[in-house]
Amino acid sequence: MCKVRDPKLMQQQMAKLPTDRLQPSPPFSKIMLDYFGPFSVKGEIQKRITGKAWAICFTDLCSRAIHIEPVYGYCAKEFMLALTRFAAIRGWPTTIYSDPGSQIVGAERELAEA
């Protein structure tokens, strides 16, 4: 048989969805988060000064609704402030999924101590 004339097509195997994505739950009780950026921003008072800013995207696992919080630093302290602002508006989540970023790992240790 000729490989060009009768090719075997590859088929992608989909992984099973986690149970947190399938079970109904209140909004933003189970979330996934990710940093994105940096963006170049200008000062409000001093217009010639620019700085870096990031944003955190909080995504609800069930409904896929999003909440975006701006962050002006890439450290655990700024992440904790953004998480506190998110919790003040939406309530504290029961489960959080994220990538293993250094600021998120540092915040995890602070949350475990608290």
PDB file of N, CA and C in Angstrom:
ATOM      1  N   MET A   1       0.831  -1.192   0.000  1.00  0.00           N
ATOM      2  CA  MET A   1       0.000   0.000   0.000  1.00  0.00           C
ATOM      3  C   MET A   1       0.874   1.254   0.000  1.00  0.00           C
ATOM      4  N   CYS A   2       0.395   2.242  -0.633  1.00  0.00           N
ATOM      5  CA  CYS A   2       1.104   3.512  -0.717  1.00  0.00           C
ATOM      6  C   CYS A   2       0.685   4.403   0.451  1.00  0.00           C
ATOM      7  N   LYS A   3       1.650   4.989   1.161  1.00  0.00           N
ATOM      8  CA  LYS A   3       1.356   5.856   2.310  1.00  0.00           C
ATOM      9  C   LYS A   3       0.761   7.187   1.872  1.00  0.00           C
ATOM     10  N   VAL A   4       1.047   7.614   0.660  1.00  0.00           N
ATOM     11  CA  VAL A   4       0.503   8.875   0.178  1.00  0.00           C
ATOM     12  C   VAL A   4      -0.954   8.696  -0.246  1.00  0.00           C
ATOM     13  N   ARG A   5      -1.255   7.583  -0.901  1.00  0.00           N
ATOM     14  CA  ARG A   5      -2.602   7.353  -1.405  1.00  0.00           C
ATOM     15  C   ARG A   5      -3.578   6.965  -0.295  1.00  0.00           C
ATOM     16  N   ASP A   6      -3.156   6.159   0.658  1.00  0.00           N
ATOM     17  CA  ASP A   6      -4.001   5.699   1.759  1.00  0.00           C
ATOM     18  C   ASP A   6      -3.410   6.115   3.110  1.00  0.00           C
ATOM     19  N   PRO A   7      -3.459   7.416   3.438  1.00  0.00           N
ATOM     20  CA  PRO A   7      -2.846   7.840   4.699  1.00  0.00           C
ATOM     21  C   PRO A   7      -3.726   7.486   5.893  1.00  0.00           C
ATOM     22  N   LYS A   8      -3.079   7.265   7.035  1.00  0.00           N
ATOM     23  CA  LYS A   8      -3.795   7.073   8.293  1.00  0.00           C
ATOM     24  C   LYS A   8      -3.837   8.433   9.002  1.00  0.00           C
ATOM     25  N   LEU A   9      -5.017   8.917   9.235  1.00  0.00           N
ATOM     26  CA  LEU A   9      -5.164  10.206   9.883  1.00  0.00           C
ATOM     27  C   LEU A   9      -5.061  10.040  11.398  1.00  0.00           C
ATOM     28  N   MET A  10      -4.415  11.012  12.034  1.00  0.00           N
ATOM     29  CA  MET A  10      -4.284  10.988  13.486  1.00  0.00           C
ATOM     30  C   MET A  10      -5.606  11.417  14.104  1.00  0.00           C
ATOM     31  N   GLN A  11      -5.943  10.862  15.240  1.00  0.00           N
ATOM     32  CA  GLN A  11      -7.149  11.224  15.948  1.00  0.00           C
ATOM     33  C   GLN A  11      -6.784  11.672  17.348  1.00  0.00           C
ATOM     34  N   GLN A  12      -7.342  12.788  17.731  1.00  0.00           N
ATOM     35  CA  GLN A  12      -7.054  13.344  19.045  1.00  0.00           C
ATOM     36  C   GLN A  12      -7.941  12.687  20.092  1.00  0.00           C
ATOM     37  N   GLN A  13      -7.337  12.324  21.214  1.00  0.00           N
ATOM     38  CA  GLN A  13      -8.090  11.759  22.322  1.00  0.00           C
ATOM     39  C   GLN A  13      -8.348  12.862  23.336  1.00  0.00           C
ATOM     40  N   MET A  14      -9.591  13.104  23.607  1.00  0.00           N
ATOM     41  CA  MET A  14      -9.964  14.141  24.562  1.00  0.00           C
ATOM     42  C   MET A  14      -9.909  13.572  25.982  1.00  0.00           C
ATOM     43  N   ALA A  15      -9.363  14.360  26.871  1.00  0.00           N
ATOM     44  CA  ALA A  15      -9.330  13.949  28.274  1.00  0.00           C
ATOM     45  C   ALA A  15     -10.713  14.137  28.886  1.00  0.00           C
ATOM     46  N   LYS A  16     -10.977  13.413  29.939  1.00  0.00           N
ATOM     47  CA  LYS A  16     -12.259  13.555  30.633  1.00  0.00           C
ATOM     48  C   LYS A  16     -12.276  14.877  31.392  1.00  0.00           C
ATOM     49  N   LEU A  17     -13.430  15.516  31.396  1.00  0.00           N
ATOM     50  CA  LEU A  17     -13.570  16.776  32.119  1.00  0.00           C
ATOM     51  C   LEU A  17     -13.579  16.526  33.620  1.00  0.00           C
ATOM     52  N   PRO A  18     -12.988  17.433  34.396  1.00  0.00           N
ATOM     53  CA  PRO A  18     -13.049  17.268  35.852  1.00  0.00           C
ATOM     54  C   PRO A  18     -14.490  17.400  36.344  1.00  0.00           C
ATOM     55  N   THR A  19     -14.785  16.779  37.463  1.00  0.00           N
ATOM     56  CA  THR A  19     -16.153  16.801  37.997  1.00  0.00           C
ATOM     57  C   THR A  19     -16.578  18.213  38.403  1.00  0.00           C
ATOM     58  N   ASP A  20     -15.606  19.089  38.730  1.00  0.00           N
ATOM     59  CA  ASP A  20     -15.947  20.463  39.093  1.00  0.00           C
ATOM     60  C   ASP A  20     -16.560  21.221  37.919  1.00  0.00           C
ATOM     61  N   ARG A  21     -16.235  20.828  36.693  1.00  0.00           N
ATOM     62  CA  ARG A  21     -16.799  21.484  35.515  1.00  0.00           C
ATOM     63  C   ARG A  21     -18.195  20.987  35.191  1.00  0.00           C
ATOM     64  N   LEU A  22     -18.575  19.816  35.704  1.00  0.00           N
ATOM     65  CA  LEU A  22     -19.839  19.194  35.327  1.00  0.00           C
ATOM     66  C   LEU A  22     -20.940  19.361  36.369  1.00  0.00           C
ATOM     67  N   GLN A  23     -20.570  19.550  37.626  1.00  0.00           N
ATOM     68  CA  GLN A  23     -21.572  19.662  38.687  1.00  0.00           C
ATOM     69  C   GLN A  23     -22.052  21.105  38.818  1.00  0.00           C
ATOM     70  N   PRO A  24     -23.360  21.324  38.885  1.00  0.00           N
ATOM     71  CA  PRO A  24     -23.878  22.686  39.077  1.00  0.00           C
ATOM     72  C   PRO A  24     -23.425  23.232  40.435  1.00  0.00           C
ATOM     73  N   SER A  25     -23.070  24.495  40.449  1.00  0.00           N
ATOM     74  CA  SER A  25     -22.622  25.135  41.684  1.00  0.00           C
ATOM     75  C   SER A  25     -22.938  26.632  41.602  1.00  0.00           C
ATOM     76  N   PRO A  26     -22.913  27.332  42.736  1.00  0.00           N
ATOM     77  CA  PRO A  26     -23.128  28.784  42.699  1.00  0.00           C
ATOM     78  C   PRO A  26     -22.036  29.463  41.868  1.00  0.00           C
ATOM     79  N   PRO A  27     -22.314  30.637  41.316  1.00  0.00           N
ATOM     80  CA  PRO A  27     -21.322  31.314  40.483  1.00  0.00           C
ATOM     81  C   PRO A  27     -20.044  31.623  41.250  1.00  0.00           C
ATOM     82  N   PHE A  28     -18.926  31.397  40.618  1.00  0.00           N
ATOM     83  CA  PHE A  28     -17.581  31.677  41.130  1.00  0.00           C
ATOM     84  C   PHE A  28     -17.269  30.946  42.429  1.00  0.00           C
ATOM     85  N   SER A  29     -17.860  29.776  42.646  1.00  0.00           N
ATOM     86  CA  SER A  29     -17.468  28.973  43.799  1.00  0.00           C
ATOM     87  C   SER A  29     -16.286  28.071  43.444  1.00  0.00           C
ATOM     88  N   LYS A  30     -16.166  27.703  42.187  1.00  0.00           N
ATOM     89  CA  LYS A  30     -15.019  26.934  41.698  1.00  0.00           C
ATOM     90  C   LYS A  30     -14.452  27.701  40.517  1.00  0.00           C
ATOM     91  N   ILE A  31     -13.209  28.187  40.675  1.00  0.00           N
ATOM     92  CA  ILE A  31     -12.657  29.088  39.671  1.00  0.00           C
ATOM     93  C   ILE A  31     -11.316  28.594  39.152  1.00  0.00           C
ATOM     94  N   MET A  32     -10.944  29.148  38.021  1.00  0.00           N
ATOM     95  CA  MET A  32      -9.632  28.951  37.421  1.00  0.00           C
ATOM     96  C   MET A  32      -9.085  30.361  37.188  1.00  0.00           C
ATOM     97  N   LEU A  33      -7.798  30.588  37.461  1.00  0.00           N
ATOM     98  CA  LEU A  33      -7.262  31.934  37.286  1.00  0.00           C
ATOM     99  C   LEU A  33      -5.965  31.898  36.512  1.00  0.00           C
ATOM    100  N   ASP A  34      -5.677  33.032  35.871  1.00  0.00           N
ATOM    101  CA  ASP A  34      -4.456  33.148  35.085  1.00  0.00           C
ATOM    102  C   ASP A  34      -4.067  34.615  34.975  1.00  0.00           C
ATOM    103  N   TYR A  35      -2.758  34.868  35.095  1.00  0.00           N
ATOM    104  CA  TYR A  35      -2.212  36.201  34.855  1.00  0.00           C
ATOM    105  C   TYR A  35      -2.074  36.412  33.358  1.00  0.00           C
ATOM    106  N   PHE A  36      -2.266  37.639  32.873  1.00  0.00           N
ATOM    107  CA  PHE A  36      -1.890  37.961  31.502  1.00  0.00           C
ATOM    108  C   PHE A  36      -1.371  39.384  31.459  1.00  0.00           C
ATOM    109  N   GLY A  37      -0.515  39.642  30.502  1.00  0.00           N
ATOM    110  CA  GLY A  37       0.130  40.942  30.375  1.00  0.00           C
ATOM    111  C   GLY A  37       1.620  40.731  30.225  1.00  0.00           C
ATOM    112  N   PRO A  38       2.448  41.680  30.408  1.00  0.00           N
ATOM    113  CA  PRO A  38       2.241  43.022  30.940  1.00  0.00           C
ATOM    114  C   PRO A  38       1.760  43.995  29.866  1.00  0.00           C
ATOM    115  N   PHE A  39       1.123  45.057  30.357  1.00  0.00           N
ATOM    116  CA  PHE A  39       0.674  46.150  29.518  1.00  0.00           C
ATOM    117  C   PHE A  39       1.428  47.400  29.932  1.00  0.00           C
ATOM    118  N   SER A  40       1.661  48.282  28.999  1.00  0.00           N
ATOM    119  CA  SER A  40       2.294  49.559  29.300  1.00  0.00           C
ATOM    120  C   SER A  40       1.196  50.568  29.634  1.00  0.00           C
ATOM    121  N   VAL A  41       1.262  51.161  30.828  1.00  0.00           N
ATOM    122  CA  VAL A  41       0.248  52.125  31.261  1.00  0.00           C
ATOM    123  C   VAL A  41       0.914  53.452  31.581  1.00  0.00           C
ATOM    124  N   LYS A  42       0.171  54.536  31.393  1.00  0.00           N
ATOM    125  CA  LYS A  42       0.659  55.880  31.706  1.00  0.00           C
ATOM    126  C   LYS A  42       0.112  56.323  33.047  1.00  0.00           C
ATOM    127  N   GLY A  43       0.845  57.192  33.710  1.00  0.00           N
ATOM    128  CA  GLY A  43       0.392  57.734  34.978  1.00  0.00           C
ATOM    129  C   GLY A  43      -0.781  58.673  34.792  1.00  0.00           C
ATOM    130  N   GLU A  44      -1.637  58.783  35.800  1.00  0.00           N
ATOM    131  CA  GLU A  44      -2.787  59.669  35.705  1.00  0.00           C
ATOM    132  C   GLU A  44      -2.394  61.132  35.917  1.00  0.00           C
ATOM    133  N   ILE A  45      -1.452  61.371  36.796  1.00  0.00           N
ATOM    134  CA  ILE A  45      -1.035  62.741  37.079  1.00  0.00           C
ATOM    135  C   ILE A  45       0.175  63.112  36.225  1.00  0.00           C
ATOM    136  N   GLN A  46       1.201  62.275  36.250  1.00  0.00           N
ATOM    137  CA  GLN A  46       2.391  62.518  35.438  1.00  0.00           C
ATOM    138  C   GLN A  46       2.250  61.732  34.143  1.00  0.00           C
ATOM    139  N   LYS A  47       1.811  62.397  33.093  1.00  0.00           N
ATOM    140  CA  LYS A  47       1.461  61.732  31.833  1.00  0.00           C
ATOM    141  C   LYS A  47       2.659  61.150  31.097  1.00  0.00           C
ATOM    142  N   ARG A  48       3.860  61.625  31.376  1.00  0.00           N
ATOM    143  CA  ARG A  48       5.038  61.134  30.645  1.00  0.00           C
ATOM    144  C   ARG A  48       5.647  59.875  31.249  1.00  0.00           C
ATOM    145  N   ILE A  49       5.220  59.502  32.426  1.00  0.00           N
ATOM    146  CA  ILE A  49       5.768  58.321  33.103  1.00  0.00           C
ATOM    147  C   ILE A  49       4.919  57.108  32.733  1.00  0.00           C
ATOM    148  N   THR A  50       5.607  56.044  32.323  1.00  0.00           N
ATOM    149  CA  THR A  50       4.894  54.805  32.000  1.00  0.00           C
ATOM    150  C   THR A  50       5.344  53.705  32.953  1.00  0.00           C
ATOM    151  N   GLY A  51       4.497  52.714  33.116  1.00  0.00           N
ATOM    152  CA  GLY A  51       4.807  51.575  33.974  1.00  0.00           C
ATOM    153  C   GLY A  51       4.178  50.318  33.413  1.00  0.00           C
ATOM    154  N   LYS A  52       4.402  49.225  34.093  1.00  0.00           N
ATOM    155  CA  LYS A  52       3.835  47.950  33.668  1.00  0.00           C
ATOM    156  C   LYS A  52       2.648  47.586  34.548  1.00  0.00           C
ATOM    157  N   ALA A  53       1.669  46.932  33.937  1.00  0.00           N
ATOM    158  CA  ALA A  53       0.515  46.438  34.677  1.00  0.00           C
ATOM    159  C   ALA A  53       0.118  45.094  34.087  1.00  0.00           C
ATOM    160  N   TRP A  54      -0.415  44.238  34.938  1.00  0.00           N
ATOM    161  CA  TRP A  54      -0.908  42.930  34.528  1.00  0.00           C
ATOM    162  C   TRP A  54      -2.386  42.860  34.861  1.00  0.00           C
ATOM    163  N   ALA A  55      -3.007  41.759  34.504  1.00  0.00           N
ATOM    164  CA  ALA A  55      -4.398  41.522  34.872  1.00  0.00           C
ATOM    165  C   ALA A  55      -4.543  40.046  35.224  1.00  0.00           C
ATOM    166  N   ILE A  56      -5.487  39.762  36.104  1.00  0.00           N
ATOM    167  CA  ILE A  56      -5.794  38.385  36.477  1.00  0.00           C
ATOM    168  C   ILE A  56      -7.201  38.081  35.991  1.00  0.00           C
ATOM    169  N   CYS A  57      -7.333  36.993  35.260  1.00  0.00           N
ATOM    170  CA  CYS A  57      -8.633  36.574  34.750  1.00  0.00           C
ATOM    171  C   CYS A  57      -9.146  35.436  35.627  1.00  0.00           C
ATOM    172  N   PHE A  58     -10.229  35.672  36.354  1.00  0.00           N
ATOM    173  CA  PHE A  58     -10.893  34.653  37.158  1.00  0.00           C
ATOM    174  C   PHE A  58     -12.027  34.084  36.305  1.00  0.00           C
ATOM    175  N   THR A  59     -12.026  32.777  36.072  1.00  0.00           N
ATOM    176  CA  THR A  59     -13.040  32.137  35.234  1.00  0.00           C
ATOM    177  C   THR A  59     -13.817  31.131  36.053  1.00  0.00           C
ATOM    178  N   ASP A  60     -15.137  31.235  36.008  1.00  0.00           N
ATOM    179  CA  ASP A  60     -15.999  30.256  36.671  1.00  0.00           C
ATOM    180  C   ASP A  60     -15.957  28.963  35.869  1.00  0.00           C
ATOM    181  N   LEU A  61     -15.768  27.835  36.542  1.00  0.00           N
ATOM    182  CA  LEU A  61     -15.612  26.565  35.834  1.00  0.00           C
ATOM    183  C   LEU A  61     -16.917  26.061  35.225  1.00  0.00           C
ATOM    184  N   CYS A  62     -18.041  26.322  35.861  1.00  0.00           N
ATOM    185  CA  CYS A  62     -19.318  25.807  35.343  1.00  0.00           C
ATOM    186  C   CYS A  62     -19.856  26.660  34.204  1.00  0.00           C
ATOM    187  N   SER A  63     -20.040  27.940  34.446  1.00  0.00           N
ATOM    188  CA  SER A  63     -20.697  28.793  33.459  1.00  0.00           C
ATOM    189  C   SER A  63     -19.718  29.503  32.533  1.00  0.00           C
ATOM    190  N   ARG A  64     -18.419  29.439  32.818  1.00  0.00           N
ATOM    191  CA  ARG A  64     -17.370  30.083  32.036  1.00  0.00           C
ATOM    192  C   ARG A  64     -17.476  31.606  32.064  1.00  0.00           C
ATOM    193  N   ALA A  65     -18.128  32.156  33.087  1.00  0.00           N
ATOM    194  CA  ALA A  65     -18.175  33.603  33.276  1.00  0.00           C
ATOM    195  C   ALA A  65     -16.795  34.074  33.733  1.00  0.00           C
ATOM    196  N   ILE A  66     -16.419  35.311  33.385  1.00  0.00           N
ATOM    197  CA  ILE A  66     -15.095  35.805  33.748  1.00  0.00           C
ATOM    198  C   ILE A  66     -15.195  37.072  34.582  1.00  0.00           C
ATOM    199  N   HIS A  67     -14.152  37.296  35.374  1.00  0.00           N
ATOM    200  CA  HIS A  67     -13.995  38.501  36.177  1.00  0.00           C
ATOM    201  C   HIS A  67     -12.520  38.874  36.038  1.00  0.00           C
ATOM    202  N   ILE A  68     -12.231  40.105  35.621  1.00  0.00           N
ATOM    203  CA  ILE A  68     -10.851  40.529  35.396  1.00  0.00           C
ATOM    204  C   ILE A  68     -10.487  41.598  36.414  1.00  0.00           C
ATOM    205  N   GLU A  69      -9.378  41.395  37.101  1.00  0.00           N
ATOM    206  CA  GLU A  69      -8.861  42.345  38.086  1.00  0.00           C
ATOM    207  C   GLU A  69      -7.515  42.885  37.608  1.00  0.00           C
ATOM    208  N   PRO A  70      -7.314  44.215  37.614  1.00  0.00           N
ATOM    209  CA  PRO A  70      -5.993  44.756  37.274  1.00  0.00           C
ATOM    210  C   PRO A  70      -5.026  44.603  38.435  1.00  0.00           C
ATOM    211  N   VAL A  71      -3.753  44.363  38.115  1.00  0.00           N
ATOM    212  CA  VAL A  71      -2.702  44.194  39.118  1.00  0.00           C
ATOM    213  C   VAL A  71      -1.512  45.025  38.664  1.00  0.00           C
ATOM    214  N   TYR A  72      -0.931  45.803  39.575  1.00  0.00           N
ATOM    215  CA  TYR A  72       0.162  46.690  39.206  1.00  0.00           C
ATOM    216  C   TYR A  72       1.519  46.180  39.656  1.00  0.00           C
ATOM    217  N   GLY A  73       1.616  44.932  40.025  1.00  0.00           N
ATOM    218  CA  GLY A  73       2.872  44.298  40.374  1.00  0.00           C
ATOM    219  C   GLY A  73       2.770  42.808  40.136  1.00  0.00           C
ATOM    220  N   TYR A  74       3.924  42.162  39.995  1.00  0.00           N
ATOM    221  CA  TYR A  74       3.948  40.729  39.703  1.00  0.00           C
ATOM    222  C   TYR A  74       4.520  39.985  40.905  1.00  0.00           C
ATOM    223  N   CYS A  75       3.880  40.165  42.071  1.00  0.00           N
ATOM    224  CA  CYS A  75       4.373  39.526  43.289  1.00  0.00           C
ATOM    225  C   CYS A  75       3.194  38.915  44.046  1.00  0.00           C
ATOM    226  N   ALA A  76       3.513  38.157  45.090  1.00  0.00           N
ATOM    227  CA  ALA A  76       2.475  37.475  45.867  1.00  0.00           C
ATOM    228  C   ALA A  76       1.582  38.471  46.604  1.00  0.00           C
ATOM    229  N   LYS A  77       2.153  39.582  47.050  1.00  0.00           N
ATOM    230  CA  LYS A  77       1.369  40.588  47.770  1.00  0.00           C
ATOM    231  C   LYS A  77       0.289  41.182  46.859  1.00  0.00           C
ATOM    232  N   GLU A  78       0.654  41.525  45.629  1.00  0.00           N
ATOM    233  CA  GLU A  78      -0.319  42.083  44.687  1.00  0.00           C
ATOM    234  C   GLU A  78      -1.381  41.051  44.314  1.00  0.00           C
ATOM    235  N   PHE A  79      -0.976  39.785  44.211  1.00  0.00           N
ATOM    236  CA  PHE A  79      -1.942  38.727  43.917  1.00  0.00           C
ATOM    237  C   PHE A  79      -2.943  38.590  45.058  1.00  0.00           C
ATOM    238  N   MET A  80      -2.467  38.637  46.296  1.00  0.00           N
ATOM    239  CA  MET A  80      -3.356  38.514  47.448  1.00  0.00           C
ATOM    240  C   MET A  80      -4.340  39.689  47.510  1.00  0.00           C
ATOM    241  N   LEU A  81      -3.883  40.889  47.151  1.00  0.00           N
ATOM    242  CA  LEU A  81      -4.789  42.036  47.124  1.00  0.00           C
ATOM    243  C   LEU A  81      -5.868  41.858  46.052  1.00  0.00           C
ATOM    244  N   ALA A  82      -5.471  41.341  44.881  1.00  0.00           N
ATOM    245  CA  ALA A  82      -6.449  41.113  43.810  1.00  0.00           C
ATOM    246  C   ALA A  82      -7.438  40.011  44.198  1.00  0.00           C
ATOM    247  N   LEU A  83      -6.951  38.967  44.855  1.00  0.00           N
ATOM    248  CA  LEU A  83      -7.839  37.891  45.304  1.00  0.00           C
ATOM    249  C   LEU A  83      -8.817  38.397  46.368  1.00  0.00           C
ATOM    250  N   THR A  84      -8.361  39.280  47.239  1.00  0.00           N
ATOM    251  CA  THR A  84      -9.230  39.867  48.253  1.00  0.00           C
ATOM    252  C   THR A  84     -10.296  40.753  47.614  1.00  0.00           C
ATOM    253  N   ARG A  85      -9.906  41.549  46.592  1.00  0.00           N
ATOM    254  CA  ARG A  85     -10.895  42.376  45.886  1.00  0.00           C
ATOM    255  C   ARG A  85     -11.924  41.501  45.180  1.00  0.00           C
ATOM    256  N   PHE A  86     -11.452  40.404  44.565  1.00  0.00           N
ATOM    257  CA  PHE A  86     -12.366  39.477  43.905  1.00  0.00           C
ATOM    258  C   PHE A  86     -13.341  38.870  44.913  1.00  0.00           C
ATOM    259  N   ALA A  87     -12.827  38.447  46.063  1.00  0.00           N
ATOM    260  CA  ALA A  87     -13.673  37.812  47.087  1.00  0.00           C
ATOM    261  C   ALA A  87     -14.657  38.807  47.691  1.00  0.00           C
ATOM    262  N   ALA A  88     -14.286  40.079  47.763  1.00  0.00           N
ATOM    263  CA  ALA A  88     -15.205  41.080  48.297  1.00  0.00           C
ATOM    264  C   ALA A  88     -16.410  41.268  47.374  1.00  0.00           C
ATOM    265  N   ILE A  89     -16.214  41.094  46.087  1.00  0.00           N
ATOM    266  CA  ILE A  89     -17.309  41.272  45.131  1.00  0.00           C
ATOM    267  C   ILE A  89     -18.075  39.974  44.916  1.00  0.00           C
ATOM    268  N   ARG A  90     -17.378  38.871  44.676  1.00  0.00           N
ATOM    269  CA  ARG A  90     -18.006  37.614  44.257  1.00  0.00           C
ATOM    270  C   ARG A  90     -18.137  36.580  45.367  1.00  0.00           C
ATOM    271  N   GLY A  91     -17.438  36.753  46.471  1.00  0.00           N
ATOM    272  CA  GLY A  91     -17.435  35.751  47.538  1.00  0.00           C
ATOM    273  C   GLY A  91     -16.219  34.843  47.405  1.00  0.00           C
ATOM    274  N   TRP A  92     -15.843  34.201  48.514  1.00  0.00           N
ATOM    275  CA  TRP A  92     -14.658  33.345  48.504  1.00  0.00           C
ATOM    276  C   TRP A  92     -14.945  32.045  47.762  1.00  0.00           C
ATOM    277  N   PRO A  93     -14.083  31.658  46.832  1.00  0.00           N
ATOM    278  CA  PRO A  93     -14.278  30.394  46.117  1.00  0.00           C
ATOM    279  C   PRO A  93     -13.896  29.202  46.983  1.00  0.00           C
ATOM    280  N   THR A  94     -14.507  28.056  46.706  1.00  0.00           N
ATOM    281  CA  THR A  94     -14.171  26.844  47.433  1.00  0.00           C
ATOM    282  C   THR A  94     -12.976  26.132  46.810  1.00  0.00           C
ATOM    283  N   THR A  95     -12.845  26.216  45.482  1.00  0.00           N
ATOM    284  CA  THR A  95     -11.758  25.552  44.763  1.00  0.00           C
ATOM    285  C   THR A  95     -11.135  26.526  43.782  1.00  0.00           C
ATOM    286  N   ILE A  96      -9.787  26.582  43.756  1.00  0.00           N
ATOM    287  CA  ILE A  96      -9.065  27.453  42.830  1.00  0.00           C
ATOM    288  C   ILE A  96      -8.070  26.608  42.047  1.00  0.00           C
ATOM    289  N   TYR A  97      -8.133  26.680  40.730  1.00  0.00           N
ATOM    290  CA  TYR A  97      -7.158  26.044  39.850  1.00  0.00           C
ATOM    291  C   TYR A  97      -6.313  27.138  39.216  1.00  0.00           C
ATOM    292  N   SER A  98      -5.001  26.902  39.107  1.00  0.00           N
ATOM    293  CA  SER A  98      -4.130  27.883  38.453  1.00  0.00           C
ATOM    294  C   SER A  98      -2.858  27.206  37.978  1.00  0.00           C
ATOM    295  N   ASP A  99      -2.085  27.961  37.208  1.00  0.00           N
ATOM    296  CA  ASP A  99      -0.774  27.468  36.805  1.00  0.00           C
ATOM    297  C   ASP A  99       0.205  27.672  37.966  1.00  0.00           C
ATOM    298  N   PRO A 100       1.330  26.960  37.971  1.00  0.00           N
ATOM    299  CA  PRO A 100       2.252  27.069  39.112  1.00  0.00           C
ATOM    300  C   PRO A 100       3.196  28.272  38.997  1.00  0.00           C
ATOM    301  N   GLY A 101       2.652  29.491  38.909  1.00  0.00           N
ATOM    302  CA  GLY A 101       3.476  30.693  38.875  1.00  0.00           C
ATOM    303  C   GLY A 101       4.087  30.966  40.234  1.00  0.00           C
ATOM    304  N   SER A 102       5.215  31.678  40.235  1.00  0.00           N
ATOM    305  CA  SER A 102       5.944  31.907  41.488  1.00  0.00           C
ATOM    306  C   SER A 102       5.125  32.732  42.479  1.00  0.00           C
ATOM    307  N   GLN A 103       4.411  33.758  42.001  1.00  0.00           N
ATOM    308  CA  GLN A 103       3.624  34.588  42.913  1.00  0.00           C
ATOM    309  C   GLN A 103       2.421  33.823  43.456  1.00  0.00           C
ATOM    310  N   ILE A 104       1.861  32.911  42.686  1.00  0.00           N
ATOM    311  CA  ILE A 104       0.715  32.135  43.140  1.00  0.00           C
ATOM    312  C   ILE A 104       1.149  31.082  44.153  1.00  0.00           C
ATOM    313  N   VAL A 105       2.323  30.486  43.942  1.00  0.00           N
ATOM    314  CA  VAL A 105       2.854  29.510  44.898  1.00  0.00           C
ATOM    315  C   VAL A 105       3.173  30.206  46.229  1.00  0.00           C
ATOM    316  N   GLY A 106       3.731  31.424  46.160  1.00  0.00           N
ATOM    317  CA  GLY A 106       4.009  32.191  47.380  1.00  0.00           C
ATOM    318  C   GLY A 106       2.736  32.554  48.120  1.00  0.00           C
ATOM    319  N   ALA A 107       1.703  32.910  47.383  1.00  0.00           N
ATOM    320  CA  ALA A 107       0.423  33.243  48.011  1.00  0.00           C
ATOM    321  C   ALA A 107      -0.225  32.011  48.612  1.00  0.00           C
ATOM    322  N   GLU A 108      -0.018  30.845  47.994  1.00  0.00           N
ATOM    323  CA  GLU A 108      -0.564  29.600  48.533  1.00  0.00           C
ATOM    324  C   GLU A 108       0.009  29.312  49.922  1.00  0.00           C
ATOM    325  N   ARG A 109       1.303  29.576  50.080  1.00  0.00           N
ATOM    326  CA  ARG A 109       1.923  29.359  51.399  1.00  0.00           C
ATOM    327  C   ARG A 109       1.333  30.331  52.438  1.00  0.00           C
ATOM    328  N   GLU A 110       1.100  31.585  52.020  1.00  0.00           N
ATOM    329  CA  GLU A 110       0.525  32.550  52.949  1.00  0.00           C
ATOM    330  C   GLU A 110      -0.907  32.176  53.328  1.00  0.00           C
ATOM    331  N   LEU A 111      -1.677  31.686  52.351  1.00  0.00           N
ATOM    332  CA  LEU A 111      -3.050  31.257  52.649  1.00  0.00           C
ATOM    333  C   LEU A 111      -3.076  30.029  53.545  1.00  0.00           C
ATOM    334  N   ALA A 112      -2.119  29.109  53.366  1.00  0.00           N
ATOM    335  CA  ALA A 112      -2.058  27.912  54.207  1.00  0.00           C
ATOM    336  C   ALA A 112      -1.729  28.285  55.652  1.00  0.00           C
ATOM    337  N   GLU A 113      -0.843  29.284  55.834  1.00  0.00           N
ATOM    338  CA  GLU A 113      -0.504  29.724  57.188  1.00  0.00           C
ATOM    339  C   GLU A 113      -1.692  30.412  57.863  1.00  0.00           C
ATOM    340  N   ALA A 114      -2.473  31.156  57.066  1.00  0.00           N
ATOM    341  CA  ALA A 114      -3.617  31.879  57.642  1.00  0.00           C
ATOM    342  C   ALA A 114      -4.717  30.887  57.957  1.00  0.00           C
TER     343      ALA A 114
END
